[in-house]
Amino acid sequence: MAFPSAKQNRLSHDFFELYRSYKRKTKTVLGWLKDTCNLTDVSITSFVAAAKLVRKQKIVVPSELYYVCKDALALRITVAEQYKQQILGSRVDKAKNKAIERHEFFISK
């Protein structure tokens, strides 16, 4: 779900701002994980492992970061739902369907 710009994708300004906001918040959370766990690999697998490490070692997550993460997930869910409605409508090809499934997997964990 990469959106270069609102104009290129014919998305509403509000939708595009939701998208940008969830991306910024996600970047903040991932940056904290990367710094806290000294990650050099920035793959999904390494972030999942880092999150598990934080939980296992009971590393204290700053309360501000907790709320940023909560907001990012809520925004990501909203963006995914609106994306399906606005962009895809009732015509979903296999490639787009796979992309949606990957995003839904990420937000369901």
C-alpha atoms as a PDB file:
ATOM      1  CA  MET A   1       0.000   0.000   0.000  1.00  0.00           C
ATOM      2  CA  ALA A   2       2.468   2.626  -1.097  1.00  0.00           C
ATOM      3  CA  PHE A   3       0.920   5.999  -1.833  1.00  0.00           C
ATOM      4  CA  PRO A   4       3.298   8.474  -3.495  1.00  0.00           C
ATOM      5  CA  SER A   5       0.843  11.334  -3.210  1.00  0.00           C
ATOM      6  CA  ALA A   6      -2.821  12.030  -2.684  1.00  0.00           C
ATOM      7  CA  LYS A   7      -3.169  13.565  -6.138  1.00  0.00           C
ATOM      8  CA  GLN A   8      -1.596  10.641  -8.009  1.00  0.00           C
ATOM      9  CA  ASN A   9      -3.927   8.173  -6.327  1.00  0.00           C
ATOM     10  CA  ARG A  10      -7.056  10.327  -6.361  1.00  0.00           C
ATOM     11  CA  LEU A  11      -7.389   9.972  -2.626  1.00  0.00           C
ATOM     12  CA  SER A  12      -9.098  12.471  -0.426  1.00  0.00           C
ATOM     13  CA  HIS A  13      -6.845  14.809   1.510  1.00  0.00           C
ATOM     14  CA  ASP A  14      -8.196  13.438   4.802  1.00  0.00           C
ATOM     15  CA  PHE A  15      -7.443   9.864   3.777  1.00  0.00           C
ATOM     16  CA  PHE A  16      -3.933  10.780   2.697  1.00  0.00           C
ATOM     17  CA  GLU A  17      -3.307  12.559   6.021  1.00  0.00           C
ATOM     18  CA  LEU A  18      -4.483   9.465   7.921  1.00  0.00           C
ATOM     19  CA  TYR A  19      -2.043   7.409   5.876  1.00  0.00           C
ATOM     20  CA  ARG A  20       0.856   9.810   6.524  1.00  0.00           C
ATOM     21  CA  SER A  21       0.029   9.935  10.232  1.00  0.00           C
ATOM     22  CA  TYR A  22       0.047   6.171  10.641  1.00  0.00           C
ATOM     23  CA  LYS A  23       3.331   5.959   8.715  1.00  0.00           C
ATOM     24  CA  ARG A  24       4.961   8.595  10.967  1.00  0.00           C
ATOM     25  CA  LYS A  25       3.745   6.884  14.121  1.00  0.00           C
ATOM     26  CA  THR A  26       4.830   3.465  12.881  1.00  0.00           C
ATOM     27  CA  LYS A  27       8.273   4.875  12.088  1.00  0.00           C
ATOM     28  CA  THR A  28       8.514   6.250  15.633  1.00  0.00           C
ATOM     29  CA  VAL A  29       7.679   2.865  17.177  1.00  0.00           C
ATOM     30  CA  LEU A  30      10.032   0.961  14.879  1.00  0.00           C
ATOM     31  CA  GLY A  31      12.792   3.495  15.556  1.00  0.00           C
ATOM     32  CA  TRP A  32      12.430   2.932  19.296  1.00  0.00           C
ATOM     33  CA  LEU A  33      12.548  -0.851  18.806  1.00  0.00           C
ATOM     34  CA  LYS A  34      15.604  -0.527  16.567  1.00  0.00           C
ATOM     35  CA  ASP A  35      17.450   1.664  19.077  1.00  0.00           C
ATOM     36  CA  THR A  36      16.377  -0.279  22.167  1.00  0.00           C
ATOM     37  CA  CYS A  37      17.321  -3.680  20.744  1.00  0.00           C
ATOM     38  CA  ASN A  38      20.328  -2.459  18.722  1.00  0.00           C
ATOM     39  CA  LEU A  39      18.912  -3.808  15.461  1.00  0.00           C
ATOM     40  CA  THR A  40      21.053  -3.684  12.360  1.00  0.00           C
ATOM     41  CA  ASP A  41      18.602  -5.659  10.223  1.00  0.00           C
ATOM     42  CA  VAL A  42      15.368  -3.763   9.638  1.00  0.00           C
ATOM     43  CA  SER A  43      13.201  -6.599   8.342  1.00  0.00           C
ATOM     44  CA  ILE A  44       9.755  -7.464   9.665  1.00  0.00           C
ATOM     45  CA  THR A  45      11.257 -10.631  11.126  1.00  0.00           C
ATOM     46  CA  SER A  46      13.836  -8.667  13.112  1.00  0.00           C
ATOM     47  CA  PHE A  47      11.198  -6.243  14.423  1.00  0.00           C
ATOM     48  CA  VAL A  48       8.981  -9.131  15.525  1.00  0.00           C
ATOM     49  CA  ALA A  49      11.954 -10.723  17.301  1.00  0.00           C
ATOM     50  CA  ALA A  50      12.800  -7.369  18.912  1.00  0.00           C
ATOM     51  CA  ALA A  51       9.228  -6.917  20.148  1.00  0.00           C
ATOM     52  CA  LYS A  52       9.311 -10.413  21.641  1.00  0.00           C
ATOM     53  CA  LEU A  53      12.628  -9.587  23.312  1.00  0.00           C
ATOM     54  CA  VAL A  54      11.166  -6.414  24.839  1.00  0.00           C
ATOM     55  CA  ARG A  55       8.317  -8.466  26.237  1.00  0.00           C
ATOM     56  CA  LYS A  56      10.518 -11.350  27.461  1.00  0.00           C
ATOM     57  CA  GLN A  57      13.034  -9.067  29.153  1.00  0.00           C
ATOM     58  CA  LYS A  58      10.240  -6.861  30.498  1.00  0.00           C
ATOM     59  CA  ILE A  59      11.834  -3.747  29.053  1.00  0.00           C
ATOM     60  CA  VAL A  60       9.796  -0.734  30.098  1.00  0.00           C
ATOM     61  CA  VAL A  61       8.107   0.890  27.141  1.00  0.00           C
ATOM     62  CA  PRO A  62       7.713   4.643  27.634  1.00  0.00           C
ATOM     63  CA  SER A  63       4.048   5.516  28.105  1.00  0.00           C
ATOM     64  CA  GLU A  64       4.223   8.036  25.246  1.00  0.00           C
ATOM     65  CA  LEU A  65       5.424   5.284  22.925  1.00  0.00           C
ATOM     66  CA  TYR A  66       2.641   2.976  24.049  1.00  0.00           C
ATOM     67  CA  TYR A  67       0.064   5.554  22.971  1.00  0.00           C
ATOM     68  CA  VAL A  68       1.882   6.264  19.705  1.00  0.00           C
ATOM     69  CA  CYS A  69       1.830   2.527  18.961  1.00  0.00           C
ATOM     70  CA  LYS A  70      -1.849   2.249  19.862  1.00  0.00           C
ATOM     71  CA  ASP A  71      -2.659   5.222  17.598  1.00  0.00           C
ATOM     72  CA  ALA A  72      -0.545   3.800  14.752  1.00  0.00           C
ATOM     73  CA  LEU A  73      -2.405   0.496  14.857  1.00  0.00           C
ATOM     74  CA  ALA A  74      -5.808   2.161  15.007  1.00  0.00           C
ATOM     75  CA  LEU A  75      -4.885   4.425  12.081  1.00  0.00           C
ATOM     76  CA  ARG A  76      -3.471   1.492  10.105  1.00  0.00           C
ATOM     77  CA  ILE A  77      -6.734  -0.422  10.542  1.00  0.00           C
ATOM     78  CA  THR A  78      -8.741   2.618   9.434  1.00  0.00           C
ATOM     79  CA  VAL A  79      -6.506   3.200   6.410  1.00  0.00           C
ATOM     80  CA  ALA A  80      -6.703  -0.471   5.398  1.00  0.00           C
ATOM     81  CA  GLU A  81     -10.496  -0.442   5.614  1.00  0.00           C
ATOM     82  CA  GLN A  82     -10.834   2.818   3.703  1.00  0.00           C
ATOM     83  CA  TYR A  83      -8.293   1.665   1.120  1.00  0.00           C
ATOM     84  CA  LYS A  84     -10.381  -1.392   0.371  1.00  0.00           C
ATOM     85  CA  GLN A  85     -13.485   0.749  -0.002  1.00  0.00           C
ATOM     86  CA  GLN A  86     -12.055   3.740  -1.907  1.00  0.00           C
ATOM     87  CA  ILE A  87      -9.444   2.156  -4.143  1.00  0.00           C
ATOM     88  CA  LEU A  88     -10.451  -1.408  -4.662  1.00  0.00           C
ATOM     89  CA  GLY A  89     -14.223  -1.316  -4.552  1.00  0.00           C
ATOM     90  CA  SER A  90     -15.656  -4.621  -5.636  1.00  0.00           C
ATOM     91  CA  ARG A  91     -12.935  -5.403  -8.221  1.00  0.00           C
ATOM     92  CA  VAL A  92      -9.988  -6.960  -6.437  1.00  0.00           C
ATOM     93  CA  ASP A  93      -7.319  -8.708  -8.468  1.00  0.00           C
ATOM     94  CA  LYS A  94      -5.073 -11.388  -6.958  1.00  0.00           C
ATOM     95  CA  ALA A  95      -2.013  -9.142  -6.529  1.00  0.00           C
ATOM     96  CA  LYS A  96      -3.972  -6.456  -4.679  1.00  0.00           C
ATOM     97  CA  ASN A  97      -5.726  -9.090  -2.600  1.00  0.00           C
ATOM     98  CA  LYS A  98      -2.335 -10.505  -1.479  1.00  0.00           C
ATOM     99  CA  ALA A  99      -1.164  -7.010  -0.496  1.00  0.00           C
ATOM    100  CA  ILE A 100      -4.318  -6.512   1.556  1.00  0.00           C
ATOM    101  CA  GLU A 101      -3.828  -9.886   3.242  1.00  0.00           C
ATOM    102  CA  ARG A 102      -0.255  -8.961   4.234  1.00  0.00           C
ATOM    103  CA  HIS A 103      -1.406  -5.689   5.787  1.00  0.00           C
ATOM    104  CA  GLU A 104      -4.308  -7.361   7.569  1.00  0.00           C
ATOM    105  CA  PHE A 105      -1.929  -9.994   8.941  1.00  0.00           C
ATOM    106  CA  PHE A 106       0.340  -7.268  10.303  1.00  0.00           C
ATOM    107  CA  ILE A 107      -2.467  -5.378  12.041  1.00  0.00           C
ATOM    108  CA  SER A 108      -4.032  -8.537  13.464  1.00  0.00           C
ATOM    109  CA  LYS A 109      -0.938  -9.468  15.541  1.00  0.00           C
END
